[in-house]
Amino acid sequence: MGVEESGVPPLAFAQLLGSGALGERAEAAFRRILVRDGVSMTELITRDGQVPLRWFREVYPELDRQLGFRLGATFARYVQPTSFGRLSLPLISAGSVAEMVELLEFLPLISTALAVHIHHTDRGLTIGLAGRTGDDGLDSIAVAYAGSCLLRLIGMLAGSAHAVELHLDIPTPVRDTLDDDEIRRIVFDAPSPFVFVPAAILAEACRFSDSVSYQLGIAELKKAVDGRRAKSYTDTVRALFDTDRDCTNSAHCARRMAISTSSLKRKLGNEGTTFRAVRQAFLQERATMRLLDSSVTVGEIAAELGYSDVASFSHAFTRWTGRSPREFRSHTASPR
C-alpha cells in the first residue's frame, strides 16, 4: 500500500469500520483486505499515509455514483474533529468558520482523492469539489464525504451548519436512504459539486478557539506542504498553474522548476500522469468554479484561463462536461 494512493484519513476509516454502519459482510471484507495487505488498524492510524479508496471498489464491485454518495455520507456521519491527523489541532482551535475553511488548502496532506477550489463572492464562499481518483463511484465517495464532513464540522465547532449548503451533481436519492435533516441540507441535480457558505457564517466564532494553537498548527502544516511539494512533481506543477499564468506548457514549467522538459515528462509519468492531464484537470476544475459565479462573464473566464477566444474555451468545456459554459451556467441553481 503506497502512501501516495488516493485515499481517506486512516482514523476516520477506523471510526467508520468500528461503527457497524457498513454491515457485517462489508466490515469482514475490509478486514480481509487489511490482513491480505499485511497492515493492522494501529499501523493505519499511526503511519503518515492514506487508506486507499480502491478498497471500496473491491468491497463494492457494483459501486456507482449513487452508492458512492451513500457511502460518503455514511462515512461523514461518524467523523470527529480529531479524525484528520495533522489537520486536527488547527481545526479544533480555529477561531472562526473562515479559519476552518482556510484549512482546506492543506487537504492533500490527508487525502489526495479530492481537489478543492475556493472562490469568494459578496454572498459568501463557494467551495468547488472535484474527485481525482479517475473512478466515478470512488469520486462520488470522496466528494460526498468531504462535503458532508464540512457541514458536520461547522455544526459541531460553530453551530451554524443549518445555513451551509452542499450541492451535488447526482439525482435526488430515494428518501429512505437519508434522514430528513440530511435531505434539507443537500441540493441535488447541481451541475457541479460544491459547498456554499454564506458570508455571515464565515465570521461565526468557533467553540474551542485558541489562536496560539491554531498558528502553531498552521506553521507545521506549511512545512509539511513544502516537503510534499518537494517530493511531488504533480503538486508542484499544479501550484505553478495557480501562481504563474504563463505556465501553459511543459517547457515553461520545466524552466521554472530548473529541470529539462524530458525530465518533467518522466517525473510526471512516474507519478502516473502527464502534463496535459494535469493541465486539463486544473482548467476544468477552475472553469467549473468560475462559472458558478454569475458576476463573471464567460469571456472573462476564457481570458483568465488563457484561451484566445470564447469559442475555443466553449469547445473545450463542452468536451469536458457535455455542456457548453452557458448551458452549464443556466442549469446552476443559485446558492441561497
C-alpha atoms as a PDB file:
ATOM      1  CA  MET A   1       0.000   0.000   0.000  1.00  0.00           C
ATOM      2  CA  GLY A   2       1.709   3.196  -1.165  1.00  0.00           C
ATOM      3  CA  VAL A   3       1.464   6.393   0.828  1.00  0.00           C
ATOM      4  CA  GLU A   4       0.592   8.351  -2.333  1.00  0.00           C
ATOM      5  CA  GLU A   5      -2.556   6.398  -3.154  1.00  0.00           C
ATOM      6  CA  SER A   6      -5.764   8.399  -3.332  1.00  0.00           C
ATOM      7  CA  GLY A   7      -7.499   7.743  -0.081  1.00  0.00           C
ATOM      8  CA  VAL A   8      -9.024   8.939   3.159  1.00  0.00           C
ATOM      9  CA  PRO A   9      -7.634   9.681   6.646  1.00  0.00           C
ATOM     10  CA  PRO A  10      -6.933   6.372   8.444  1.00  0.00           C
ATOM     11  CA  LEU A  11      -8.503   7.345  11.788  1.00  0.00           C
ATOM     12  CA  ALA A  12     -11.727   8.333  10.018  1.00  0.00           C
ATOM     13  CA  PHE A  13     -11.728   4.948   8.263  1.00  0.00           C
ATOM     14  CA  ALA A  14     -11.157   3.152  11.570  1.00  0.00           C
ATOM     15  CA  GLN A  15     -14.080   5.041  13.102  1.00  0.00           C
ATOM     16  CA  LEU A  16     -16.325   4.064  10.187  1.00  0.00           C
ATOM     17  CA  LEU A  17     -15.249   0.426  10.371  1.00  0.00           C
ATOM     18  CA  GLY A  18     -15.898   0.318  14.108  1.00  0.00           C
ATOM     19  CA  SER A  19     -19.323   1.946  13.864  1.00  0.00           C
ATOM     20  CA  GLY A  20     -21.121  -1.091  12.445  1.00  0.00           C
ATOM     21  CA  ALA A  21     -22.750   1.144   9.804  1.00  0.00           C
ATOM     22  CA  LEU A  22     -21.370  -0.847   6.856  1.00  0.00           C
ATOM     23  CA  GLY A  23     -22.802  -4.173   7.969  1.00  0.00           C
ATOM     24  CA  GLU A  24     -21.039  -7.394   8.892  1.00  0.00           C
ATOM     25  CA  ARG A  25     -20.263  -8.572   5.356  1.00  0.00           C
ATOM     26  CA  ALA A  26     -18.609  -5.308   4.245  1.00  0.00           C
ATOM     27  CA  GLU A  27     -16.727  -4.949   7.527  1.00  0.00           C
ATOM     28  CA  ALA A  28     -15.425  -8.519   7.224  1.00  0.00           C
ATOM     29  CA  ALA A  29     -14.349  -7.822   3.621  1.00  0.00           C
ATOM     30  CA  PHE A  30     -12.370  -4.736   4.686  1.00  0.00           C
ATOM     31  CA  ARG A  31     -10.695  -6.697   7.472  1.00  0.00           C
ATOM     32  CA  ARG A  32      -9.695  -9.414   4.994  1.00  0.00           C
ATOM     33  CA  ILE A  33      -8.079  -6.725   2.845  1.00  0.00           C
ATOM     34  CA  LEU A  34      -6.154  -5.460   5.874  1.00  0.00           C
ATOM     35  CA  VAL A  35      -4.852  -8.981   6.502  1.00  0.00           C
ATOM     36  CA  ARG A  36      -4.039  -9.501   2.831  1.00  0.00           C
ATOM     37  CA  ASP A  37      -2.075  -6.250   2.633  1.00  0.00           C
ATOM     38  CA  GLY A  38      -0.313  -7.005   5.904  1.00  0.00           C
ATOM     39  CA  VAL A  39      -1.354  -3.880   7.775  1.00  0.00           C
ATOM     40  CA  SER A  40      -3.053  -3.512  11.153  1.00  0.00           C
ATOM     41  CA  MET A  41      -5.555  -0.857  12.178  1.00  0.00           C
ATOM     42  CA  THR A  42      -2.986   0.589  14.570  1.00  0.00           C
ATOM     43  CA  GLU A  43      -0.472   0.934  11.747  1.00  0.00           C
ATOM     44  CA  LEU A  44      -3.090   2.657   9.604  1.00  0.00           C
ATOM     45  CA  ILE A  45      -3.718   5.251  12.278  1.00  0.00           C
ATOM     46  CA  THR A  46      -0.082   5.936  13.172  1.00  0.00           C
ATOM     47  CA  ARG A  47       1.515   5.906   9.721  1.00  0.00           C
ATOM     48  CA  ASP A  48       1.731   9.007   7.550  1.00  0.00           C
ATOM     49  CA  GLY A  49      -0.443   7.731   4.715  1.00  0.00           C
ATOM     50  CA  GLN A  50      -3.974   7.240   3.446  1.00  0.00           C
ATOM     51  CA  VAL A  51      -6.416   4.348   3.361  1.00  0.00           C
ATOM     52  CA  PRO A  52      -6.781   3.592  -0.375  1.00  0.00           C
ATOM     53  CA  LEU A  53     -10.228   4.305  -1.772  1.00  0.00           C
ATOM     54  CA  ARG A  54      -9.669   1.409  -4.173  1.00  0.00           C
ATOM     55  CA  TRP A  55     -10.523  -0.859  -1.239  1.00  0.00           C
ATOM     56  CA  PHE A  56     -14.119   0.353  -1.554  1.00  0.00           C
ATOM     57  CA  ARG A  57     -14.154  -0.714  -5.201  1.00  0.00           C
ATOM     58  CA  GLU A  58     -13.044  -4.190  -4.093  1.00  0.00           C
ATOM     59  CA  VAL A  59     -15.682  -4.463  -1.368  1.00  0.00           C
ATOM     60  CA  TYR A  60     -18.431  -2.913  -3.533  1.00  0.00           C
ATOM     61  CA  PRO A  61     -17.750  -4.133  -7.122  1.00  0.00           C
ATOM     62  CA  GLU A  62     -21.055  -2.621  -8.351  1.00  0.00           C
ATOM     63  CA  LEU A  63     -20.153   0.788  -6.894  1.00  0.00           C
ATOM     64  CA  ASP A  64     -21.762   3.653  -8.837  1.00  0.00           C
ATOM     65  CA  ARG A  65     -22.252   7.345  -8.067  1.00  0.00           C
ATOM     66  CA  GLN A  66     -25.450   6.823  -6.063  1.00  0.00           C
ATOM     67  CA  LEU A  67     -23.892   4.141  -3.859  1.00  0.00           C
ATOM     68  CA  GLY A  68     -20.753   6.273  -3.623  1.00  0.00           C
ATOM     69  CA  PHE A  69     -22.857   9.140  -2.300  1.00  0.00           C
ATOM     70  CA  ARG A  70     -24.494   6.940   0.327  1.00  0.00           C
ATOM     71  CA  LEU A  71     -21.137   5.558   1.450  1.00  0.00           C
ATOM     72  CA  GLY A  72     -19.576   9.037   1.582  1.00  0.00           C
ATOM     73  CA  ALA A  73     -22.479  10.450   3.591  1.00  0.00           C
ATOM     74  CA  THR A  74     -22.350   7.467   5.961  1.00  0.00           C
ATOM     75  CA  PHE A  75     -18.593   7.914   6.315  1.00  0.00           C
ATOM     76  CA  ALA A  76     -19.061  11.560   7.338  1.00  0.00           C
ATOM     77  CA  ARG A  77     -21.715  10.694   9.921  1.00  0.00           C
ATOM     78  CA  TYR A  78     -19.069   9.201  12.238  1.00  0.00           C
ATOM     79  CA  VAL A  79     -16.367  11.821  11.743  1.00  0.00           C
ATOM     80  CA  GLN A  80     -14.925  13.704  14.727  1.00  0.00           C
ATOM     81  CA  PRO A  81     -12.754  16.858  14.850  1.00  0.00           C
ATOM     82  CA  THR A  82      -9.862  14.578  15.846  1.00  0.00           C
ATOM     83  CA  SER A  83     -10.228  12.372  12.740  1.00  0.00           C
ATOM     84  CA  PHE A  84      -7.884  14.308  10.442  1.00  0.00           C
ATOM     85  CA  GLY A  85      -4.342  13.674  11.588  1.00  0.00           C
ATOM     86  CA  ARG A  86      -2.145  16.760  11.468  1.00  0.00           C
ATOM     87  CA  LEU A  87      -5.130  18.932  10.494  1.00  0.00           C
ATOM     88  CA  SER A  88      -6.931  18.124  13.745  1.00  0.00           C
ATOM     89  CA  LEU A  89      -5.157  20.601  16.052  1.00  0.00           C
ATOM     90  CA  PRO A  90      -5.734  23.727  13.930  1.00  0.00           C
ATOM     91  CA  LEU A  91      -9.252  22.509  13.120  1.00  0.00           C
ATOM     92  CA  ILE A  92     -10.250  22.261  16.753  1.00  0.00           C
ATOM     93  CA  SER A  93      -8.512  25.533  17.716  1.00  0.00           C
ATOM     94  CA  ALA A  94      -9.794  27.624  14.773  1.00  0.00           C
ATOM     95  CA  GLY A  95     -11.247  30.949  15.835  1.00  0.00           C
ATOM     96  CA  SER A  96     -13.960  31.196  13.169  1.00  0.00           C
ATOM     97  CA  VAL A  97     -15.611  29.307  10.335  1.00  0.00           C
ATOM     98  CA  ALA A  98     -13.398  31.272   7.940  1.00  0.00           C
ATOM     99  CA  GLU A  99     -10.292  29.893   9.668  1.00  0.00           C
ATOM    100  CA  MET A 100     -11.741  26.377   9.465  1.00  0.00           C
ATOM    101  CA  VAL A 101     -12.260  26.748   5.733  1.00  0.00           C
ATOM    102  CA  GLU A 102      -8.702  28.009   5.251  1.00  0.00           C
ATOM    103  CA  LEU A 103      -7.521  24.561   6.312  1.00  0.00           C
ATOM    104  CA  LEU A 104      -8.836  23.137   3.015  1.00  0.00           C
ATOM    105  CA  GLU A 105      -5.603  24.459   1.483  1.00  0.00           C
ATOM    106  CA  PHE A 106      -3.861  21.623   3.327  1.00  0.00           C
ATOM    107  CA  LEU A 107      -6.293  18.867   2.302  1.00  0.00           C
ATOM    108  CA  PRO A 108      -3.688  16.989   0.157  1.00  0.00           C
ATOM    109  CA  LEU A 109      -1.788  16.180   3.358  1.00  0.00           C
ATOM    110  CA  ILE A 110      -4.580  13.822   4.442  1.00  0.00           C
ATOM    111  CA  SER A 111      -6.307  12.960   1.157  1.00  0.00           C
ATOM    112  CA  THR A 112      -5.237  13.163  -2.478  1.00  0.00           C
ATOM    113  CA  ALA A 113      -8.625  11.868  -3.639  1.00  0.00           C
ATOM    114  CA  LEU A 114     -10.122  15.350  -3.904  1.00  0.00           C
ATOM    115  CA  ALA A 115      -9.291  18.731  -5.429  1.00  0.00           C
ATOM    116  CA  VAL A 116     -10.758  21.832  -3.800  1.00  0.00           C
ATOM    117  CA  HIS A 117     -11.179  25.290  -5.352  1.00  0.00           C
ATOM    118  CA  ILE A 118     -12.330  28.209  -3.220  1.00  0.00           C
ATOM    119  CA  HIS A 119     -13.960  31.320  -4.643  1.00  0.00           C
ATOM    120  CA  HIS A 120     -15.037  34.412  -2.668  1.00  0.00           C
ATOM    121  CA  THR A 121     -18.089  36.474  -3.625  1.00  0.00           C
ATOM    122  CA  ASP A 122     -20.101  39.153  -1.838  1.00  0.00           C
ATOM    123  CA  ARG A 123     -22.648  36.486  -0.890  1.00  0.00           C
ATOM    124  CA  GLY A 124     -20.142  34.163   0.681  1.00  0.00           C
ATOM    125  CA  LEU A 125     -17.745  31.381  -0.141  1.00  0.00           C
ATOM    126  CA  THR A 126     -18.154  28.757  -2.860  1.00  0.00           C
ATOM    127  CA  ILE A 127     -16.005  25.661  -2.390  1.00  0.00           C
ATOM    128  CA  GLY A 128     -15.791  23.530  -5.523  1.00  0.00           C
ATOM    129  CA  LEU A 129     -15.223  19.787  -5.024  1.00  0.00           C
ATOM    130  CA  ALA A 130     -13.724  17.513  -7.686  1.00  0.00           C
ATOM    131  CA  GLY A 131     -12.793  13.849  -7.299  1.00  0.00           C
ATOM    132  CA  ARG A 132      -9.345  12.873  -8.549  1.00  0.00           C
ATOM    133  CA  THR A 133      -9.426   9.070  -8.493  1.00  0.00           C
ATOM    134  CA  GLY A 134     -10.441   8.555 -12.131  1.00  0.00           C
ATOM    135  CA  ASP A 135     -13.345   6.346 -10.960  1.00  0.00           C
ATOM    136  CA  ASP A 136     -16.871   7.853 -10.864  1.00  0.00           C
ATOM    137  CA  GLY A 137     -18.000   5.758  -7.906  1.00  0.00           C
ATOM    138  CA  LEU A 138     -14.888   6.481  -5.846  1.00  0.00           C
ATOM    139  CA  ASP A 139     -15.031  10.169  -6.783  1.00  0.00           C
ATOM    140  CA  SER A 140     -18.600  10.216  -5.516  1.00  0.00           C
ATOM    141  CA  ILE A 141     -17.460   8.801  -2.152  1.00  0.00           C
ATOM    142  CA  ALA A 142     -14.725  11.428  -1.864  1.00  0.00           C
ATOM    143  CA  VAL A 143     -16.994  14.357  -2.797  1.00  0.00           C
ATOM    144  CA  ALA A 144     -19.925  13.289  -0.595  1.00  0.00           C
ATOM    145  CA  TYR A 145     -17.608  12.533   2.312  1.00  0.00           C
ATOM    146  CA  ALA A 146     -15.762  15.861   2.100  1.00  0.00           C
ATOM    147  CA  GLY A 147     -18.900  17.950   1.621  1.00  0.00           C
ATOM    148  CA  SER A 148     -20.833  16.193   4.384  1.00  0.00           C
ATOM    149  CA  CYS A 149     -17.798  16.387   6.702  1.00  0.00           C
ATOM    150  CA  LEU A 150     -17.593  20.135   6.218  1.00  0.00           C
ATOM    151  CA  LEU A 151     -21.268  20.575   7.118  1.00  0.00           C
ATOM    152  CA  ARG A 152     -20.903  18.326  10.147  1.00  0.00           C
ATOM    153  CA  LEU A 153     -17.728  20.004  11.420  1.00  0.00           C
ATOM    154  CA  ILE A 154     -19.142  23.511  11.068  1.00  0.00           C
ATOM    155  CA  GLY A 155     -22.150  22.341  13.066  1.00  0.00           C
ATOM    156  CA  MET A 156     -20.017  20.727  15.760  1.00  0.00           C
ATOM    157  CA  LEU A 157     -17.477  23.542  16.149  1.00  0.00           C
ATOM    158  CA  ALA A 158     -19.558  26.627  15.355  1.00  0.00           C
ATOM    159  CA  GLY A 159     -23.199  25.528  15.419  1.00  0.00           C
ATOM    160  CA  SER A 160     -24.010  27.189  12.068  1.00  0.00           C
ATOM    161  CA  ALA A 161     -24.311  24.287   9.620  1.00  0.00           C
ATOM    162  CA  HIS A 162     -28.040  24.853   9.017  1.00  0.00           C
ATOM    163  CA  ALA A 163     -27.211  27.800   6.736  1.00  0.00           C
ATOM    164  CA  VAL A 164     -24.496  25.960   4.762  1.00  0.00           C
ATOM    165  CA  GLU A 165     -25.465  24.123   1.568  1.00  0.00           C
ATOM    166  CA  LEU A 166     -23.914  21.092  -0.091  1.00  0.00           C
ATOM    167  CA  HIS A 167     -24.668  20.878  -3.833  1.00  0.00           C
ATOM    168  CA  LEU A 168     -24.154  17.515  -5.557  1.00  0.00           C
ATOM    169  CA  ASP A 169     -24.363  16.568  -9.239  1.00  0.00           C
ATOM    170  CA  ILE A 170     -26.366  13.384  -8.680  1.00  0.00           C
ATOM    171  CA  PRO A 171     -30.139  12.799  -8.841  1.00  0.00           C
ATOM    172  CA  THR A 172     -32.075  13.010  -5.586  1.00  0.00           C
ATOM    173  CA  PRO A 173     -31.755   9.588  -3.923  1.00  0.00           C
ATOM    174  CA  VAL A 174     -34.612   7.520  -2.566  1.00  0.00           C
ATOM    175  CA  ARG A 175     -35.812   9.241   0.603  1.00  0.00           C
ATOM    176  CA  ASP A 176     -35.395   6.213   2.836  1.00  0.00           C
ATOM    177  CA  THR A 177     -31.617   6.267   2.266  1.00  0.00           C
ATOM    178  CA  LEU A 178     -31.251   9.563   4.149  1.00  0.00           C
ATOM    179  CA  ASP A 179     -32.887  11.208   7.103  1.00  0.00           C
ATOM    180  CA  ASP A 180     -34.900  14.412   6.647  1.00  0.00           C
ATOM    181  CA  ASP A 181     -32.193  16.671   8.085  1.00  0.00           C
ATOM    182  CA  GLU A 182     -29.621  15.459   5.552  1.00  0.00           C
ATOM    183  CA  ILE A 183     -32.086  15.893   2.679  1.00  0.00           C
ATOM    184  CA  ARG A 184     -32.769  19.509   3.656  1.00  0.00           C
ATOM    185  CA  ARG A 185     -29.071  20.385   3.701  1.00  0.00           C
ATOM    186  CA  ILE A 186     -28.209  18.946   0.287  1.00  0.00           C
ATOM    187  CA  VAL A 187     -29.147  20.346  -3.120  1.00  0.00           C
ATOM    188  CA  PHE A 188     -29.205  17.541  -5.697  1.00  0.00           C
ATOM    189  CA  ASP A 189     -29.074  17.704  -9.502  1.00  0.00           C
ATOM    190  CA  ALA A 190     -26.500  20.509  -9.344  1.00  0.00           C
ATOM    191  CA  PRO A 191     -24.285  20.964 -12.423  1.00  0.00           C
ATOM    192  CA  SER A 192     -21.170  20.510 -10.298  1.00  0.00           C
ATOM    193  CA  PRO A 193     -20.426  19.585  -6.653  1.00  0.00           C
ATOM    194  CA  PHE A 194     -19.747  22.480  -4.285  1.00  0.00           C
ATOM    195  CA  VAL A 195     -20.370  23.780  -0.786  1.00  0.00           C
ATOM    196  CA  PHE A 196     -21.788  27.275  -0.292  1.00  0.00           C
ATOM    197  CA  VAL A 197     -21.013  29.079   2.979  1.00  0.00           C
ATOM    198  CA  PRO A 198     -22.913  32.394   3.402  1.00  0.00           C
ATOM    199  CA  ALA A 199     -20.788  35.438   4.241  1.00  0.00           C
ATOM    200  CA  ALA A 200     -22.462  35.885   7.636  1.00  0.00           C
ATOM    201  CA  ILE A 201     -21.464  32.360   8.658  1.00  0.00           C
ATOM    202  CA  LEU A 202     -17.758  32.873   7.922  1.00  0.00           C
ATOM    203  CA  ALA A 203     -17.392  35.259  10.870  1.00  0.00           C
ATOM    204  CA  GLU A 204     -19.119  32.875  13.313  1.00  0.00           C
ATOM    205  CA  ALA A 205     -16.856  32.093  16.273  1.00  0.00           C
ATOM    206  CA  CYS A 206     -15.829  28.507  16.965  1.00  0.00           C
ATOM    207  CA  ARG A 207     -16.366  26.927  20.377  1.00  0.00           C
ATOM    208  CA  PHE A 208     -12.769  25.951  21.194  1.00  0.00           C
ATOM    209  CA  SER A 209     -10.883  28.918  19.752  1.00  0.00           C
ATOM    210  CA  ASP A 210      -7.163  29.020  20.626  1.00  0.00           C
ATOM    211  CA  SER A 211      -5.176  31.391  18.422  1.00  0.00           C
ATOM    212  CA  VAL A 212      -1.760  30.207  19.638  1.00  0.00           C
ATOM    213  CA  SER A 213      -2.515  26.542  18.909  1.00  0.00           C
ATOM    214  CA  TYR A 214      -4.051  27.482  15.564  1.00  0.00           C
ATOM    215  CA  GLN A 215      -0.984  29.436  14.424  1.00  0.00           C
ATOM    216  CA  LEU A 216       1.378  26.690  15.590  1.00  0.00           C
ATOM    217  CA  GLY A 217      -0.701  24.141  13.718  1.00  0.00           C
ATOM    218  CA  ILE A 218      -0.721  26.237  10.540  1.00  0.00           C
ATOM    219  CA  ALA A 219       3.066  26.651  10.697  1.00  0.00           C
ATOM    220  CA  GLU A 220       3.519  22.878  10.910  1.00  0.00           C
ATOM    221  CA  LEU A 221       1.098  22.330   8.037  1.00  0.00           C
ATOM    222  CA  LYS A 222       3.002  24.760   5.813  1.00  0.00           C
ATOM    223  CA  LYS A 223       6.242  22.888   6.498  1.00  0.00           C
ATOM    224  CA  ALA A 224       4.546  19.619   5.614  1.00  0.00           C
ATOM    225  CA  VAL A 225       3.129  21.085   2.369  1.00  0.00           C
ATOM    226  CA  ASP A 226       6.559  22.388   1.362  1.00  0.00           C
ATOM    227  CA  GLY A 227       8.011  18.942   1.994  1.00  0.00           C
ATOM    228  CA  ARG A 228       5.266  17.274  -0.001  1.00  0.00           C
ATOM    229  CA  ARG A 229       5.705  19.585  -2.983  1.00  0.00           C
ATOM    230  CA  ALA A 230       9.422  18.894  -2.922  1.00  0.00           C
ATOM    231  CA  LYS A 231       8.544  15.215  -3.463  1.00  0.00           C
ATOM    232  CA  SER A 232       5.543  15.522  -5.807  1.00  0.00           C
ATOM    233  CA  TYR A 233       6.035  16.955  -9.269  1.00  0.00           C
ATOM    234  CA  THR A 234       2.286  16.845  -9.895  1.00  0.00           C
ATOM    235  CA  ASP A 235       1.622  19.112  -6.904  1.00  0.00           C
ATOM    236  CA  THR A 236       4.453  21.438  -7.924  1.00  0.00           C
ATOM    237  CA  VAL A 237       3.065  21.830 -11.439  1.00  0.00           C
ATOM    238  CA  ARG A 238      -0.458  22.495 -10.114  1.00  0.00           C
ATOM    239  CA  ALA A 239       0.954  25.124  -7.760  1.00  0.00           C
ATOM    240  CA  LEU A 240       2.661  26.801 -10.733  1.00  0.00           C
ATOM    241  CA  PHE A 241      -0.667  26.954 -12.577  1.00  0.00           C
ATOM    242  CA  ASP A 242      -2.052  28.919  -9.628  1.00  0.00           C
ATOM    243  CA  THR A 243       0.796  31.423  -9.436  1.00  0.00           C
ATOM    244  CA  ASP A 244       2.133  31.759 -13.000  1.00  0.00           C
ATOM    245  CA  ARG A 245      -0.382  32.449 -15.772  1.00  0.00           C
ATOM    246  CA  ASP A 246       2.353  31.860 -18.383  1.00  0.00           C
ATOM    247  CA  CYS A 247       2.759  28.266 -17.241  1.00  0.00           C
ATOM    248  CA  THR A 248       0.613  26.841 -20.039  1.00  0.00           C
ATOM    249  CA  ASN A 249       3.127  24.394 -21.484  1.00  0.00           C
ATOM    250  CA  SER A 250       5.583  21.859 -20.135  1.00  0.00           C
ATOM    251  CA  ALA A 251       8.661  23.721 -21.389  1.00  0.00           C
ATOM    252  CA  HIS A 252       7.816  26.851 -19.402  1.00  0.00           C
ATOM    253  CA  CYS A 253       7.009  24.876 -16.251  1.00  0.00           C
ATOM    254  CA  ALA A 254      10.186  22.822 -16.588  1.00  0.00           C
ATOM    255  CA  ARG A 255      12.261  26.027 -16.759  1.00  0.00           C
ATOM    256  CA  ARG A 256      10.537  27.332 -13.625  1.00  0.00           C
ATOM    257  CA  MET A 257      11.405  24.069 -11.877  1.00  0.00           C
ATOM    258  CA  ALA A 258      15.000  24.158 -13.175  1.00  0.00           C
ATOM    259  CA  ILE A 259      14.752  20.786 -14.918  1.00  0.00           C
ATOM    260  CA  SER A 260      14.556  19.706 -18.551  1.00  0.00           C
ATOM    261  CA  THR A 261      11.246  19.148 -20.322  1.00  0.00           C
ATOM    262  CA  SER A 262      12.057  15.467 -20.776  1.00  0.00           C
ATOM    263  CA  SER A 263      12.830  15.136 -17.050  1.00  0.00           C
ATOM    264  CA  LEU A 264       9.496  16.732 -16.147  1.00  0.00           C
ATOM    265  CA  LYS A 265       7.721  14.334 -18.510  1.00  0.00           C
ATOM    266  CA  ARG A 266       9.484  11.366 -16.908  1.00  0.00           C
ATOM    267  CA  LYS A 267       8.806  12.564 -13.346  1.00  0.00           C
ATOM    268  CA  LEU A 268       5.097  13.066 -14.038  1.00  0.00           C
ATOM    269  CA  GLY A 269       4.966   9.671 -15.751  1.00  0.00           C
ATOM    270  CA  ASN A 270       6.422   8.063 -12.637  1.00  0.00           C
ATOM    271  CA  GLU A 271       3.523   9.615 -10.702  1.00  0.00           C
ATOM    272  CA  GLY A 272       1.019   8.136 -13.152  1.00  0.00           C
ATOM    273  CA  THR A 273       0.088  11.274 -15.074  1.00  0.00           C
ATOM    274  CA  THR A 274       1.111  13.660 -17.869  1.00  0.00           C
ATOM    275  CA  PHE A 275       1.481  17.422 -18.140  1.00  0.00           C
ATOM    276  CA  ARG A 276      -1.545  17.555 -20.427  1.00  0.00           C
ATOM    277  CA  ALA A 277      -3.701  15.588 -17.964  1.00  0.00           C
ATOM    278  CA  VAL A 278      -2.671  17.779 -15.024  1.00  0.00           C
ATOM    279  CA  ARG A 279      -3.298  20.929 -17.056  1.00  0.00           C
ATOM    280  CA  GLN A 280      -6.715  19.764 -18.285  1.00  0.00           C
ATOM    281  CA  ALA A 281      -7.837  18.774 -14.768  1.00  0.00           C
ATOM    282  CA  PHE A 282      -6.753  22.172 -13.471  1.00  0.00           C
ATOM    283  CA  LEU A 283      -8.538  24.074 -16.254  1.00  0.00           C
ATOM    284  CA  GLN A 284     -11.737  22.051 -15.890  1.00  0.00           C
ATOM    285  CA  GLU A 285     -11.836  22.496 -12.113  1.00  0.00           C
ATOM    286  CA  ARG A 286     -11.081  26.214 -12.325  1.00  0.00           C
ATOM    287  CA  ALA A 287     -13.566  26.811 -15.161  1.00  0.00           C
ATOM    288  CA  THR A 288     -16.323  24.993 -13.281  1.00  0.00           C
ATOM    289  CA  MET A 289     -15.616  27.032 -10.171  1.00  0.00           C
ATOM    290  CA  ARG A 290     -15.636  30.367 -12.010  1.00  0.00           C
ATOM    291  CA  LEU A 291     -18.841  29.587 -13.905  1.00  0.00           C
ATOM    292  CA  LEU A 292     -20.643  29.230 -10.586  1.00  0.00           C
ATOM    293  CA  ASP A 293     -20.067  32.978 -10.092  1.00  0.00           C
ATOM    294  CA  SER A 294     -22.639  34.701 -12.311  1.00  0.00           C
ATOM    295  CA  SER A 295     -20.942  38.087 -11.886  1.00  0.00           C
ATOM    296  CA  VAL A 296     -18.099  36.966 -14.197  1.00  0.00           C
ATOM    297  CA  THR A 297     -18.741  36.690 -17.933  1.00  0.00           C
ATOM    298  CA  VAL A 298     -17.827  33.633 -19.976  1.00  0.00           C
ATOM    299  CA  GLY A 299     -15.453  35.827 -21.973  1.00  0.00           C
ATOM    300  CA  GLU A 300     -13.651  36.925 -18.814  1.00  0.00           C
ATOM    301  CA  ILE A 301     -13.281  33.332 -17.691  1.00  0.00           C
ATOM    302  CA  ALA A 302     -11.921  32.287 -21.087  1.00  0.00           C
ATOM    303  CA  ALA A 303      -9.309  35.068 -20.968  1.00  0.00           C
ATOM    304  CA  GLU A 304      -8.423  34.267 -17.355  1.00  0.00           C
ATOM    305  CA  LEU A 305      -7.731  30.647 -18.291  1.00  0.00           C
ATOM    306  CA  GLY A 306      -5.575  31.610 -21.259  1.00  0.00           C
ATOM    307  CA  TYR A 307      -7.935  30.875 -24.160  1.00  0.00           C
ATOM    308  CA  SER A 308      -7.629  33.088 -27.221  1.00  0.00           C
ATOM    309  CA  ASP A 309     -11.408  33.421 -27.625  1.00  0.00           C
ATOM    310  CA  VAL A 310     -14.720  32.329 -26.136  1.00  0.00           C
ATOM    311  CA  ALA A 311     -15.315  29.751 -28.892  1.00  0.00           C
ATOM    312  CA  SER A 312     -12.123  27.840 -28.011  1.00  0.00           C
ATOM    313  CA  PHE A 313     -12.994  27.827 -24.334  1.00  0.00           C
ATOM    314  CA  SER A 314     -16.597  26.789 -25.043  1.00  0.00           C
ATOM    315  CA  HIS A 315     -15.458  23.912 -27.260  1.00  0.00           C
ATOM    316  CA  ALA A 316     -13.049  22.658 -24.571  1.00  0.00           C
ATOM    317  CA  PHE A 317     -15.587  22.959 -21.762  1.00  0.00           C
ATOM    318  CA  THR A 318     -18.243  21.145 -23.784  1.00  0.00           C
ATOM    319  CA  ARG A 319     -15.778  18.325 -24.450  1.00  0.00           C
ATOM    320  CA  TRP A 320     -15.073  18.008 -20.707  1.00  0.00           C
ATOM    321  CA  THR A 321     -18.619  18.206 -19.351  1.00  0.00           C
ATOM    322  CA  GLY A 322     -21.053  17.596 -22.199  1.00  0.00           C
ATOM    323  CA  ARG A 323     -22.489  21.114 -21.697  1.00  0.00           C
ATOM    324  CA  SER A 324     -21.457  24.480 -23.066  1.00  0.00           C
ATOM    325  CA  PRO A 325     -20.456  27.116 -20.478  1.00  0.00           C
ATOM    326  CA  ARG A 326     -23.790  28.916 -20.956  1.00  0.00           C
ATOM    327  CA  GLU A 327     -25.775  25.684 -20.649  1.00  0.00           C
ATOM    328  CA  PHE A 328     -23.834  24.789 -17.521  1.00  0.00           C
ATOM    329  CA  ARG A 329     -24.470  28.218 -16.026  1.00  0.00           C
ATOM    330  CA  SER A 330     -28.185  28.218 -16.879  1.00  0.00           C
ATOM    331  CA  HIS A 331     -28.542  24.834 -15.169  1.00  0.00           C
ATOM    332  CA  THR A 332     -26.845  26.077 -12.000  1.00  0.00           C
ATOM    333  CA  ALA A 333     -29.128  26.633  -9.040  1.00  0.00           C
ATOM    334  CA  SER A 334     -28.031  29.926  -7.477  1.00  0.00           C
ATOM    335  CA  PRO A 335     -26.946  29.458  -3.843  1.00  0.00           C
ATOM    336  CA  ARG A 336     -29.440  30.989  -1.475  1.00  0.00           C
END
